[in-house]
C-alpha atoms as a PDB file:
ATOM      1  CA  UNK A   1     296.201 109.323 254.895  1.00  0.00           C
ATOM      2  CA  UNK A   2     298.090 111.872 252.818  1.00  0.00           C
ATOM      3  CA  UNK A   3     299.717 111.049 249.487  1.00  0.00           C
ATOM      4  CA  UNK A   4     303.232 111.723 250.815  1.00  0.00           C
ATOM      5  CA  UNK A   5     302.816 109.209 253.640  1.00  0.00           C
ATOM      6  CA  UNK A   6     301.369 106.665 251.187  1.00  0.00           C
ATOM      7  CA  UNK A   7     304.361 107.016 248.844  1.00  0.00           C
ATOM      8  CA  UNK A   8     302.264 108.483 246.022  1.00  0.00           C
ATOM      9  CA  UNK A   9     304.130 111.816 245.885  1.00  0.00           C
ATOM     10  CA  UNK A  10     307.220 110.727 243.954  1.00  0.00           C
ATOM     11  CA  UNK A  11     309.109 113.986 243.536  1.00  0.00           C
ATOM     12  CA  UNK A  12     308.862 117.746 243.147  1.00  0.00           C
ATOM     13  CA  UNK A  13     311.177 119.798 240.930  1.00  0.00           C
ATOM     14  CA  UNK A  14     311.326 123.560 241.423  1.00  0.00           C
ATOM     15  CA  UNK A  15     312.542 125.818 238.609  1.00  0.00           C
ATOM     16  CA  UNK A  16     314.328 129.131 239.069  1.00  0.00           C
ATOM     17  CA  UNK A  17     311.297 130.843 237.537  1.00  0.00           C
ATOM     18  CA  UNK A  18     308.994 129.412 240.220  1.00  0.00           C
ATOM     19  CA  UNK A  19     307.547 126.658 238.045  1.00  0.00           C
ATOM     20  CA  UNK A  20     306.997 123.429 240.030  1.00  0.00           C
ATOM     21  CA  UNK A  21     306.730 119.972 238.491  1.00  0.00           C
ATOM     22  CA  UNK A  22     305.119 117.429 240.865  1.00  0.00           C
ATOM     23  CA  UNK A  23     305.089 113.704 240.032  1.00  0.00           C
ATOM     24  CA  UNK A  24     302.194 111.766 241.556  1.00  0.00           C
ATOM     25  CA  UNK A  25     301.808 107.971 241.349  1.00  0.00           C
ATOM     26  CA  UNK A  26     298.210 106.700 241.460  1.00  0.00           C
ATOM     27  CA  UNK A  27     297.132 103.252 242.634  1.00  0.00           C
ATOM     28  CA  UNK A  28     295.553 102.808 239.207  1.00  0.00           C
ATOM     29  CA  UNK A  29     295.438 104.960 236.078  1.00  0.00           C
ATOM     30  CA  UNK A  30     291.652 105.110 236.380  1.00  0.00           C
ATOM     31  CA  UNK A  31     291.719 106.337 239.994  1.00  0.00           C
ATOM     32  CA  UNK A  32     288.408 108.113 240.752  1.00  0.00           C
ATOM     33  CA  UNK A  33     290.238 110.532 243.081  1.00  0.00           C
ATOM     34  CA  UNK A  34     292.560 111.782 240.353  1.00  0.00           C
ATOM     35  CA  UNK A  35     290.678 115.058 239.862  1.00  0.00           C
ATOM     36  CA  UNK A  36     290.558 115.726 243.591  1.00  0.00           C
ATOM     37  CA  UNK A  37     294.261 114.970 244.014  1.00  0.00           C
ATOM     38  CA  UNK A  38     295.079 117.241 241.080  1.00  0.00           C
ATOM     39  CA  UNK A  39     292.984 120.050 242.536  1.00  0.00           C
ATOM     40  CA  UNK A  40     294.443 119.676 246.029  1.00  0.00           C
ATOM     41  CA  UNK A  41     298.073 119.497 244.856  1.00  0.00           C
ATOM     42  CA  UNK A  42     297.665 122.609 242.692  1.00  0.00           C
ATOM     43  CA  UNK A  43     295.963 124.506 245.526  1.00  0.00           C
ATOM     44  CA  UNK A  44     298.527 123.527 248.173  1.00  0.00           C
ATOM     45  CA  UNK A  45     301.673 123.917 246.080  1.00  0.00           C
ATOM     46  CA  UNK A  46     300.378 126.977 244.259  1.00  0.00           C
ATOM     47  CA  UNK A  47     299.775 128.800 247.557  1.00  0.00           C
ATOM     48  CA  UNK A  48     303.457 128.576 248.541  1.00  0.00           C
ATOM     49  CA  UNK A  49     305.269 131.955 248.204  1.00  0.00           C
ATOM     50  CA  UNK A  50     307.462 132.092 245.099  1.00  0.00           C
ATOM     51  CA  UNK A  51     305.548 129.455 243.124  1.00  0.00           C
ATOM     52  CA  UNK A  52     304.394 130.819 239.765  1.00  0.00           C
ATOM     53  CA  UNK A  53     302.886 127.687 238.193  1.00  0.00           C
ATOM     54  CA  UNK A  54     302.272 124.023 238.958  1.00  0.00           C
ATOM     55  CA  UNK A  55     302.299 121.049 236.592  1.00  0.00           C
ATOM     56  CA  UNK A  56     301.459 117.489 237.656  1.00  0.00           C
ATOM     57  CA  UNK A  57     303.034 114.480 235.951  1.00  0.00           C
ATOM     58  CA  UNK A  58     301.129 111.225 236.498  1.00  0.00           C
ATOM     59  CA  UNK A  59     302.515 107.734 236.950  1.00  0.00           C
ATOM     60  CA  UNK A  60     301.314 104.527 238.610  1.00  0.00           C
ATOM     61  CA  UNK A  61     302.463 102.620 241.699  1.00  0.00           C
ATOM     62  CA  UNK A  62     303.949  99.185 241.039  1.00  0.00           C
ATOM     63  CA  UNK A  63     302.538  96.146 242.878  1.00  0.00           C
ATOM     64  CA  UNK A  64     304.973  96.346 245.785  1.00  0.00           C
ATOM     65  CA  UNK A  65     304.398 100.087 246.241  1.00  0.00           C
ATOM     66  CA  UNK A  66     300.635  99.614 246.026  1.00  0.00           C
ATOM     67  CA  UNK A  67     300.735  96.884 248.695  1.00  0.00           C
ATOM     68  CA  UNK A  68     302.807  99.134 250.972  1.00  0.00           C
ATOM     69  CA  UNK A  69     300.400 102.040 250.457  1.00  0.00           C
ATOM     70  CA  UNK A  70     297.368  99.890 251.250  1.00  0.00           C
ATOM     71  CA  UNK A  71     299.063  98.471 254.368  1.00  0.00           C
ATOM     72  CA  UNK A  72     299.851 101.978 255.598  1.00  0.00           C
ATOM     73  CA  UNK A  73     296.307 103.180 254.887  1.00  0.00           C
ATOM     74  CA  UNK A  74     294.774 100.204 256.713  1.00  0.00           C
ATOM     75  CA  UNK A  75     297.051 100.780 259.702  1.00  0.00           C
ATOM     76  CA  UNK A  76     295.984 104.431 259.853  1.00  0.00           C
ATOM     77  CA  UNK A  77     292.314 103.454 259.704  1.00  0.00           C
ATOM     78  CA  UNK A  78     292.797 100.916 262.500  1.00  0.00           C
ATOM     79  CA  UNK A  79     294.420 103.578 264.680  1.00  0.00           C
ATOM     80  CA  UNK A  80     291.456 105.934 264.112  1.00  0.00           C
ATOM     81  CA  UNK A  81     288.664 103.382 264.483  1.00  0.00           C
ATOM     82  CA  UNK A  82     285.438 104.941 265.732  1.00  0.00           C
ATOM     83  CA  UNK A  83     283.584 103.800 268.810  1.00  0.00           C
ATOM     84  CA  UNK A  84     280.644 101.410 268.510  1.00  0.00           C
ATOM     85  CA  UNK A  85     278.120  99.903 270.920  1.00  0.00           C
ATOM     86  CA  UNK A  86     279.614  96.442 270.439  1.00  0.00           C
ATOM     87  CA  UNK A  87     281.270  95.124 273.607  1.00  0.00           C
ATOM     88  CA  UNK A  88     285.069  95.338 273.297  1.00  0.00           C
ATOM     89  CA  UNK A  89     285.457  91.721 274.413  1.00  0.00           C
ATOM     90  CA  UNK A  90     283.285  90.322 271.596  1.00  0.00           C
ATOM     91  CA  UNK A  91     285.044  88.797 268.618  1.00  0.00           C
ATOM     92  CA  UNK A  92     283.647  90.254 265.391  1.00  0.00           C
ATOM     93  CA  UNK A  93     283.430  88.118 262.266  1.00  0.00           C
ATOM     94  CA  UNK A  94     282.279  89.412 258.881  1.00  0.00           C
ATOM     95  CA  UNK A  95     280.880  86.819 256.480  1.00  0.00           C
ATOM     96  CA  UNK A  96     281.248  88.141 252.934  1.00  0.00           C
ATOM     97  CA  UNK A  97     281.120  87.004 249.325  1.00  0.00           C
ATOM     98  CA  UNK A  98     281.836  88.305 245.863  1.00  0.00           C
ATOM     99  CA  UNK A  99     278.677  87.045 244.183  1.00  0.00           C
ATOM    100  CA  UNK A 100     275.230  86.740 245.711  1.00  0.00           C
ATOM    101  CA  UNK A 101     273.499  83.404 246.188  1.00  0.00           C
ATOM    102  CA  UNK A 102     276.600  81.446 247.223  1.00  0.00           C
ATOM    103  CA  UNK A 103     275.359  80.627 250.732  1.00  0.00           C
ATOM    104  CA  UNK A 104     276.812  83.525 252.721  1.00  0.00           C
ATOM    105  CA  UNK A 105     273.700  84.081 254.853  1.00  0.00           C
ATOM    106  CA  UNK A 106     273.356  80.338 255.439  1.00  0.00           C
ATOM    107  CA  UNK A 107     276.946  80.195 256.690  1.00  0.00           C
ATOM    108  CA  UNK A 108     276.329  83.199 258.974  1.00  0.00           C
ATOM    109  CA  UNK A 109     273.177  81.731 260.507  1.00  0.00           C
ATOM    110  CA  UNK A 110     274.622  78.243 260.930  1.00  0.00           C
ATOM    111  CA  UNK A 111     277.778  79.590 262.558  1.00  0.00           C
ATOM    112  CA  UNK A 112     275.626  81.659 264.918  1.00  0.00           C
ATOM    113  CA  UNK A 113     273.439  78.658 265.791  1.00  0.00           C
ATOM    114  CA  UNK A 114     276.433  76.346 266.316  1.00  0.00           C
ATOM    115  CA  UNK A 115     278.173  78.849 268.614  1.00  0.00           C
ATOM    116  CA  UNK A 116     274.970  79.534 270.562  1.00  0.00           C
ATOM    117  CA  UNK A 117     274.404  75.791 270.984  1.00  0.00           C
ATOM    118  CA  UNK A 118     277.721  75.728 272.871  1.00  0.00           C
ATOM    119  CA  UNK A 119     276.228  78.148 275.413  1.00  0.00           C
ATOM    120  CA  UNK A 120     277.654  81.330 273.927  1.00  0.00           C
ATOM    121  CA  UNK A 121     275.913  84.682 273.517  1.00  0.00           C
ATOM    122  CA  UNK A 122     275.926  85.722 269.848  1.00  0.00           C
ATOM    123  CA  UNK A 123     275.000  88.928 268.052  1.00  0.00           C
ATOM    124  CA  UNK A 124     274.020  88.820 264.367  1.00  0.00           C
ATOM    125  CA  UNK A 125     273.932  91.961 262.226  1.00  0.00           C
ATOM    126  CA  UNK A 126     272.182  91.528 258.889  1.00  0.00           C
ATOM    127  CA  UNK A 127     274.135  94.129 256.909  1.00  0.00           C
ATOM    128  CA  UNK A 128     272.698  92.920 253.602  1.00  0.00           C
ATOM    129  CA  UNK A 129     270.288  95.859 253.615  1.00  0.00           C
ATOM    130  CA  UNK A 130     268.715  95.117 250.212  1.00  0.00           C
ATOM    131  CA  UNK A 131     268.742  91.324 250.399  1.00  0.00           C
ATOM    132  CA  UNK A 132     268.016  90.689 254.084  1.00  0.00           C
ATOM    133  CA  UNK A 133     267.255  87.034 254.806  1.00  0.00           C
ATOM    134  CA  UNK A 134     268.563  86.368 258.323  1.00  0.00           C
ATOM    135  CA  UNK A 135     265.199  86.861 260.119  1.00  0.00           C
ATOM    136  CA  UNK A 136     263.517  84.211 257.965  1.00  0.00           C
ATOM    137  CA  UNK A 137     266.435  81.787 258.364  1.00  0.00           C
ATOM    138  CA  UNK A 138     266.341  82.158 262.148  1.00  0.00           C
ATOM    139  CA  UNK A 139     262.552  82.100 262.305  1.00  0.00           C
ATOM    140  CA  UNK A 140     262.390  85.602 263.790  1.00  0.00           C
ATOM    141  CA  UNK A 141     259.291  87.718 263.248  1.00  0.00           C
ATOM    142  CA  UNK A 142     257.964  91.051 264.480  1.00  0.00           C
ATOM    143  CA  UNK A 143     259.565  94.461 264.722  1.00  0.00           C
ATOM    144  CA  UNK A 144     262.639  95.653 266.576  1.00  0.00           C
ATOM    145  CA  UNK A 145     261.748  97.417 269.795  1.00  0.00           C
ATOM    146  CA  UNK A 146     263.386 100.326 271.549  1.00  0.00           C
ATOM    147  CA  UNK A 147     264.429 101.471 275.007  1.00  0.00           C
ATOM    148  CA  UNK A 148     262.625 104.746 275.625  1.00  0.00           C
ATOM    149  CA  UNK A 149     265.012 105.842 278.360  1.00  0.00           C
ATOM    150  CA  UNK A 150     268.188 105.381 276.286  1.00  0.00           C
ATOM    151  CA  UNK A 151     266.793 105.766 272.768  1.00  0.00           C
ATOM    152  CA  UNK A 152     268.582 102.554 271.780  1.00  0.00           C
ATOM    153  CA  UNK A 153     267.263  99.786 269.505  1.00  0.00           C
ATOM    154  CA  UNK A 154     266.613  96.446 271.192  1.00  0.00           C
ATOM    155  CA  UNK A 155     267.573  93.406 269.095  1.00  0.00           C
ATOM    156  CA  UNK A 156     265.314  90.388 268.718  1.00  0.00           C
ATOM    157  CA  UNK A 157     266.526  87.456 270.828  1.00  0.00           C
ATOM    158  CA  UNK A 158     266.398  83.768 269.907  1.00  0.00           C
ATOM    159  CA  UNK A 159     267.306  80.980 272.318  1.00  0.00           C
ATOM    160  CA  UNK A 160     269.430  78.188 270.810  1.00  0.00           C
ATOM    161  CA  UNK A 161     270.485  75.396 273.149  1.00  0.00           C
ATOM    162  CA  UNK A 162     272.106  76.930 276.196  1.00  0.00           C
ATOM    163  CA  UNK A 163     272.940  80.139 274.344  1.00  0.00           C
ATOM    164  CA  UNK A 164     271.213  83.091 272.704  1.00  0.00           C
ATOM    165  CA  UNK A 165     271.309  84.943 269.393  1.00  0.00           C
ATOM    166  CA  UNK A 166     270.506  88.676 269.285  1.00  0.00           C
ATOM    167  CA  UNK A 167     269.476  89.798 265.784  1.00  0.00           C
ATOM    168  CA  UNK A 168     269.126  93.149 264.015  1.00  0.00           C
ATOM    169  CA  UNK A 169     268.044  93.382 260.390  1.00  0.00           C
ATOM    170  CA  UNK A 170     266.206  95.698 258.039  1.00  0.00           C
ATOM    171  CA  UNK A 171     263.786  92.779 257.728  1.00  0.00           C
ATOM    172  CA  UNK A 172     262.714  93.580 261.297  1.00  0.00           C
ATOM    173  CA  UNK A 173     262.115  97.259 260.514  1.00  0.00           C
ATOM    174  CA  UNK A 174     259.934  97.080 257.388  1.00  0.00           C
ATOM    175  CA  UNK A 175     256.199  96.373 257.337  1.00  0.00           C
ATOM    176  CA  UNK A 176     256.456  93.437 254.926  1.00  0.00           C
ATOM    177  CA  UNK A 177     259.286  91.086 253.973  1.00  0.00           C
ATOM    178  CA  UNK A 178     258.640  91.822 250.289  1.00  0.00           C
ATOM    179  CA  UNK A 179     259.289  95.564 250.735  1.00  0.00           C
ATOM    180  CA  UNK A 180     262.026  96.839 248.390  1.00  0.00           C
ATOM    181  CA  UNK A 181     264.437  99.399 249.823  1.00  0.00           C
ATOM    182  CA  UNK A 182     265.371 101.971 247.173  1.00  0.00           C
ATOM    183  CA  UNK A 183     268.447 103.181 249.027  1.00  0.00           C
ATOM    184  CA  UNK A 184     271.881 104.187 247.810  1.00  0.00           C
ATOM    185  CA  UNK A 185     275.387 104.977 249.078  1.00  0.00           C
ATOM    186  CA  UNK A 186     275.299 107.219 252.127  1.00  0.00           C
ATOM    187  CA  UNK A 187     271.881 106.022 253.343  1.00  0.00           C
ATOM    188  CA  UNK A 188     273.015 102.383 253.165  1.00  0.00           C
ATOM    189  CA  UNK A 189     276.182 103.102 255.137  1.00  0.00           C
ATOM    190  CA  UNK A 190     274.244 105.086 257.711  1.00  0.00           C
ATOM    191  CA  UNK A 191     271.765 102.237 258.231  1.00  0.00           C
ATOM    192  CA  UNK A 192     274.582  99.807 259.025  1.00  0.00           C
ATOM    193  CA  UNK A 193     276.215 102.413 261.264  1.00  0.00           C
ATOM    194  CA  UNK A 194     272.973 102.544 263.300  1.00  0.00           C
ATOM    195  CA  UNK A 195     273.239  98.783 263.865  1.00  0.00           C
ATOM    196  CA  UNK A 196     276.732  99.280 265.292  1.00  0.00           C
ATOM    197  CA  UNK A 197     276.195 102.444 267.310  1.00  0.00           C
ATOM    198  CA  UNK A 198     272.521 102.640 268.290  1.00  0.00           C
ATOM    199  CA  UNK A 199     271.649  99.083 269.325  1.00  0.00           C
ATOM    200  CA  UNK A 200     271.512  97.999 272.962  1.00  0.00           C
ATOM    201  CA  UNK A 201     273.955  95.125 272.548  1.00  0.00           C
ATOM    202  CA  UNK A 202     274.427  92.750 275.475  1.00  0.00           C
ATOM    203  CA  UNK A 203     277.732  93.424 277.240  1.00  0.00           C
ATOM    204  CA  UNK A 204     278.233  89.650 277.551  1.00  0.00           C
ATOM    205  CA  UNK A 205     278.286  88.924 273.803  1.00  0.00           C
ATOM    206  CA  UNK A 206     280.995  86.419 272.879  1.00  0.00           C
ATOM    207  CA  UNK A 207     280.764  86.787 269.084  1.00  0.00           C
ATOM    208  CA  UNK A 208     279.205  89.237 266.642  1.00  0.00           C
ATOM    209  CA  UNK A 209     278.603  87.827 263.162  1.00  0.00           C
ATOM    210  CA  UNK A 210     277.912  90.257 260.318  1.00  0.00           C
ATOM    211  CA  UNK A 211     276.121  89.010 257.216  1.00  0.00           C
ATOM    212  CA  UNK A 212     277.599  91.276 254.522  1.00  0.00           C
ATOM    213  CA  UNK A 213     276.016  92.190 251.201  1.00  0.00           C
ATOM    214  CA  UNK A 214     277.761  90.639 248.177  1.00  0.00           C
ATOM    215  CA  UNK A 215     280.455  92.611 246.389  1.00  0.00           C
ATOM    216  CA  UNK A 216     282.721  95.487 247.450  1.00  0.00           C
ATOM    217  CA  UNK A 217     280.483  98.533 247.744  1.00  0.00           C
ATOM    218  CA  UNK A 218     279.552 101.302 250.187  1.00  0.00           C
ATOM    219  CA  UNK A 219     278.469  99.031 253.032  1.00  0.00           C
ATOM    220  CA  UNK A 220     281.707  97.020 252.937  1.00  0.00           C
ATOM    221  CA  UNK A 221     283.863 100.147 252.916  1.00  0.00           C
ATOM    222  CA  UNK A 222     281.852 101.722 255.730  1.00  0.00           C
ATOM    223  CA  UNK A 223     282.142  98.618 257.911  1.00  0.00           C
ATOM    224  CA  UNK A 224     285.869  98.316 257.190  1.00  0.00           C
ATOM    225  CA  UNK A 225     286.272 101.867 258.468  1.00  0.00           C
ATOM    226  CA  UNK A 226     284.213 101.287 261.621  1.00  0.00           C
ATOM    227  CA  UNK A 227     285.561  97.784 262.386  1.00  0.00           C
ATOM    228  CA  UNK A 228     289.119  97.635 260.982  1.00  0.00           C
ATOM    229  CA  UNK A 229     290.216  94.819 263.317  1.00  0.00           C
ATOM    230  CA  UNK A 230     287.476  92.354 262.453  1.00  0.00           C
ATOM    231  CA  UNK A 231     288.045  88.872 261.071  1.00  0.00           C
ATOM    232  CA  UNK A 232     286.678  87.947 257.659  1.00  0.00           C
ATOM    233  CA  UNK A 233     285.254  84.792 256.104  1.00  0.00           C
ATOM    234  CA  UNK A 234     284.658  84.892 252.339  1.00  0.00           C
ATOM    235  CA  UNK A 235     282.160  82.358 250.994  1.00  0.00           C
ATOM    236  CA  UNK A 236     282.269  81.068 247.421  1.00  0.00           C
ATOM    237  CA  UNK A 237     281.002  78.150 245.358  1.00  0.00           C
ATOM    238  CA  UNK A 238     283.344  75.978 243.215  1.00  0.00           C
ATOM    239  CA  UNK A 239     282.364  77.824 240.015  1.00  0.00           C
ATOM    240  CA  UNK A 240     285.395  79.677 238.628  1.00  0.00           C
ATOM    241  CA  UNK A 241     283.308  82.822 238.018  1.00  0.00           C
ATOM    242  CA  UNK A 242     282.305  82.885 241.695  1.00  0.00           C
ATOM    243  CA  UNK A 243     285.870  82.177 242.839  1.00  0.00           C
ATOM    244  CA  UNK A 244     287.335  85.056 240.835  1.00  0.00           C
ATOM    245  CA  UNK A 245     284.814  87.510 242.273  1.00  0.00           C
ATOM    246  CA  UNK A 246     285.510  86.163 245.769  1.00  0.00           C
ATOM    247  CA  UNK A 247     289.219  86.912 245.296  1.00  0.00           C
ATOM    248  CA  UNK A 248     288.293  90.541 244.549  1.00  0.00           C
ATOM    249  CA  UNK A 249     286.283  90.648 247.784  1.00  0.00           C
ATOM    250  CA  UNK A 250     289.362  89.397 249.678  1.00  0.00           C
ATOM    251  CA  UNK A 251     291.550  92.022 247.992  1.00  0.00           C
END
């Protein structure tokens, strides 16, 4: 989304001498994209014939303007959602939290088991790459297999009642459960992307539950981009500290 469409470009004043004053409103004064925006505005405006100099005046969006900008950005992301291997008829539910240790994985696994017990076909993606725990909670062991003809990953399947649960997790790709993954940013996002794009998901899946890592980091932003129309459950404990962090996760 461009800053004009998002309402961040407030005005531009052009002097007779070719000097241009551009006012840009940021979502927050500490915006990490400030330097990039400054560089891009100067490059774009400065390349226009007749412009001799460019100065940027900074301001900040108010709450209503910020909400409108975020709504527009989310709508644009939803319109440009990438394709995944998840069946289009499956309802996707992310289970998230602000803090770790509040029971998010337990909620994910119990929801999956309860839905499968009703005879439904469930997919579970353990997106908590560092803190994977879904395989142990579901009693799943062994490694994920692959389909040599398609090059796709085959999830582990667990029968629950009349239904099934298909599981993918980093815990099913490492040699030992105690293995620490020293991964950051782009690698984390790419790992989760593999679970969405390169897994041989059953076309009959009714629900896909995603156990999210705690917080609001790279994995959450990557999944929001790939699955903008998903539903979200945020888990918290009664502690005020946990509740406040959960509100940030919702935001």
